[in-house]
Amino acid sequence: MPRISIWFVRAALLHCFFGFTAGAWQLAVLGGLPLPSIGPVRTFHVEVVMLGWIVQLAIGVAIWILPFSRGVSRDWRLWTALGLLNGGVLLVIAGALVELDLAHGLGRLAEIIAGGFVAWVLWPRVRALPSRDHS
């Protein structure tokens, strides 16, 4: 497994932990437990679970599964995408906490650019299966 794929999966698991913890906190508060409300938990939960966990896990597995040369872990585009995706998630959460639309917008832009970098790297690796004659 390429090192960059390992880092995407590790980051995804970290986001999974924090996202599920926030979801459990939110459900406990809705269930009536006397816990303090800690800001926009729903925004945090959705952002961390959807983009932090699911998207990063999918990217990490795609990098691992799709055929690459040996130098995939040295590709700056994937490391940049990892940083932009995680930074974007943090900016969106920070923007929701302090109600700053600029941080929210910059976070979304970073996430979109990260997706572009990943598509730039992975798209040439997608190949069609050879056709089979079933006659």
Protein backbone atom coordinates (compact mmCIF):
# COMPACT_ATOMS: atom_id res chain seq x y z
CA MET A 1 0.00 0.00 0.00
CA PRO A 2 1.47 3.40 -0.96
CA ARG A 3 2.41 5.71 1.91
CA ILE A 4 0.05 8.47 0.70
CA SER A 5 -2.83 5.98 0.73
CA ILE A 6 -1.96 5.05 4.31
CA TRP A 7 -2.08 8.72 5.33
CA PHE A 8 -5.46 9.25 3.66
CA VAL A 9 -6.89 6.22 5.48
CA ARG A 10 -5.37 7.30 8.82
CA ALA A 11 -6.83 10.78 8.46
CA ALA A 12 -10.18 9.23 7.52
CA LEU A 13 -10.20 7.08 10.65
CA LEU A 14 -9.38 10.09 12.80
CA HIS A 15 -12.26 12.01 11.24
CA CYS A 16 -14.50 8.97 11.75
CA PHE A 17 -13.76 8.97 15.48
CA PHE A 18 -14.43 12.69 15.91
CA GLY A 19 -17.49 12.65 13.67
CA PHE A 20 -19.10 9.71 15.45
CA THR A 21 -18.29 11.27 18.82
CA ALA A 22 -20.00 14.51 17.76
CA GLY A 23 -22.98 12.52 16.47
CA ALA A 24 -23.25 10.61 19.74
CA TRP A 25 -23.04 13.89 21.67
CA GLN A 26 -25.80 15.37 19.54
CA LEU A 27 -28.04 12.33 20.03
CA ALA A 28 -27.41 12.37 23.78
CA VAL A 29 -28.42 16.04 24.01
CA LEU A 30 -31.54 15.36 21.90
CA GLY A 31 -32.33 12.40 24.16
CA GLY A 32 -32.43 14.64 27.20
CA LEU A 33 -29.06 14.04 28.85
CA PRO A 34 -27.88 17.13 30.72
CA LEU A 35 -24.83 17.81 28.54
CA PRO A 36 -23.67 21.26 27.52
CA SER A 37 -24.45 22.31 23.97
CA ILE A 38 -21.16 22.97 22.18
CA GLY A 39 -21.94 25.20 19.24
CA PRO A 40 -22.96 23.92 15.83
CA VAL A 41 -22.47 20.20 16.51
CA ARG A 42 -24.52 19.21 13.48
CA THR A 43 -22.31 21.20 11.10
CA PHE A 44 -19.22 19.69 12.68
CA HIS A 45 -20.68 16.18 12.53
CA VAL A 46 -21.79 16.39 8.88
CA GLU A 47 -18.56 18.00 7.67
CA VAL A 48 -16.27 15.60 9.49
CA VAL A 49 -18.22 12.46 8.61
CA MET A 50 -19.00 13.26 4.97
CA LEU A 51 -15.80 14.93 3.78
CA GLY A 52 -13.36 13.99 6.50
CA TRP A 53 -14.23 10.32 6.78
CA ILE A 54 -16.08 9.05 3.71
CA VAL A 55 -14.33 11.09 1.01
CA GLN A 56 -10.84 10.59 2.43
CA LEU A 57 -11.40 6.86 2.87
CA ALA A 58 -12.61 6.60 -0.73
CA ILE A 59 -9.58 8.54 -1.98
CA GLY A 60 -7.16 6.44 0.07
CA VAL A 61 -8.65 3.19 -1.22
CA ALA A 62 -8.74 4.50 -4.80
CA ILE A 63 -5.05 5.40 -4.65
CA TRP A 64 -4.31 1.93 -3.30
CA ILE A 65 -6.48 0.01 -5.80
CA LEU A 66 -5.91 1.85 -9.07
CA PRO A 67 -2.75 0.82 -10.91
CA PHE A 68 0.16 3.20 -10.31
CA SER A 69 3.87 3.29 -10.82
CA ARG A 70 6.11 3.03 -7.77
CA GLY A 71 6.44 6.81 -7.38
CA VAL A 72 2.83 7.56 -6.43
CA SER A 73 3.73 8.47 -2.83
CA ARG A 74 6.12 11.14 -4.11
CA ASP A 75 3.43 12.89 -6.16
CA TRP A 76 3.06 16.41 -4.77
CA ARG A 77 -0.51 16.66 -6.03
CA LEU A 78 -1.74 13.94 -3.67
CA TRP A 79 0.06 15.38 -0.64
CA THR A 80 -1.35 18.80 -1.53
CA ALA A 81 -4.83 17.29 -1.83
CA LEU A 82 -4.46 15.68 1.60
CA GLY A 83 -3.50 19.00 3.16
CA LEU A 84 -6.16 20.98 1.31
CA LEU A 85 -8.93 18.53 2.16
CA ASN A 86 -8.12 18.45 5.86
CA GLY A 87 -7.48 22.18 5.96
CA GLY A 88 -10.75 22.79 4.15
CA VAL A 89 -12.69 20.69 6.65
CA LEU A 90 -11.10 22.64 9.51
CA LEU A 91 -11.85 26.00 7.85
CA VAL A 92 -15.50 25.11 7.27
CA ILE A 93 -15.86 24.06 10.91
CA ALA A 94 -14.07 27.20 12.12
CA GLY A 95 -16.28 29.33 9.88
CA ALA A 96 -19.38 27.73 11.39
CA LEU A 97 -18.11 28.21 14.95
CA VAL A 98 -17.36 31.92 14.61
CA GLU A 99 -20.03 32.55 11.94
CA LEU A 100 -17.50 33.82 9.41
CA ASP A 101 -18.63 33.24 5.84
CA LEU A 102 -15.16 33.94 4.45
CA ALA A 103 -13.63 30.99 6.34
CA HIS A 104 -16.53 28.78 5.25
CA GLY A 105 -16.08 29.79 1.61
CA LEU A 106 -12.30 29.34 1.70
CA GLY A 107 -12.75 25.92 3.28
CA ARG A 108 -15.14 24.83 0.53
CA LEU A 109 -12.75 26.19 -2.10
CA ALA A 110 -9.87 24.22 -0.57
CA GLU A 111 -12.00 21.05 -0.63
CA ILE A 112 -12.92 21.59 -4.28
CA ILE A 113 -9.29 22.20 -5.26
CA ALA A 114 -8.29 19.05 -3.37
CA GLY A 115 -10.87 17.10 -5.37
CA GLY A 116 -9.43 18.55 -8.55
CA PHE A 117 -5.92 17.43 -7.63
CA VAL A 118 -7.14 13.92 -6.84
CA ALA A 119 -9.06 13.72 -10.12
CA TRP A 120 -5.98 15.01 -11.98
CA VAL A 121 -3.91 12.16 -10.56
CA LEU A 122 -6.47 9.34 -10.65
CA TRP A 123 -8.26 9.95 -13.95
CA PRO A 124 -5.42 8.65 -16.19
CA ARG A 125 -5.35 5.48 -14.06
CA VAL A 126 -8.94 4.50 -14.83
CA ARG A 127 -8.88 1.94 -17.62
CA ALA A 128 -11.59 -0.06 -19.32
CA LEU A 129 -11.55 -3.81 -19.06
CA PRO A 130 -10.70 -5.62 -22.28
CA SER A 131 -13.82 -6.69 -24.11
CA ARG A 132 -14.70 -10.37 -24.06
CA ASP A 133 -16.40 -12.24 -26.84
CA HIS A 134 -19.27 -14.21 -25.30
CA SER A 135 -20.51 -15.87 -28.47
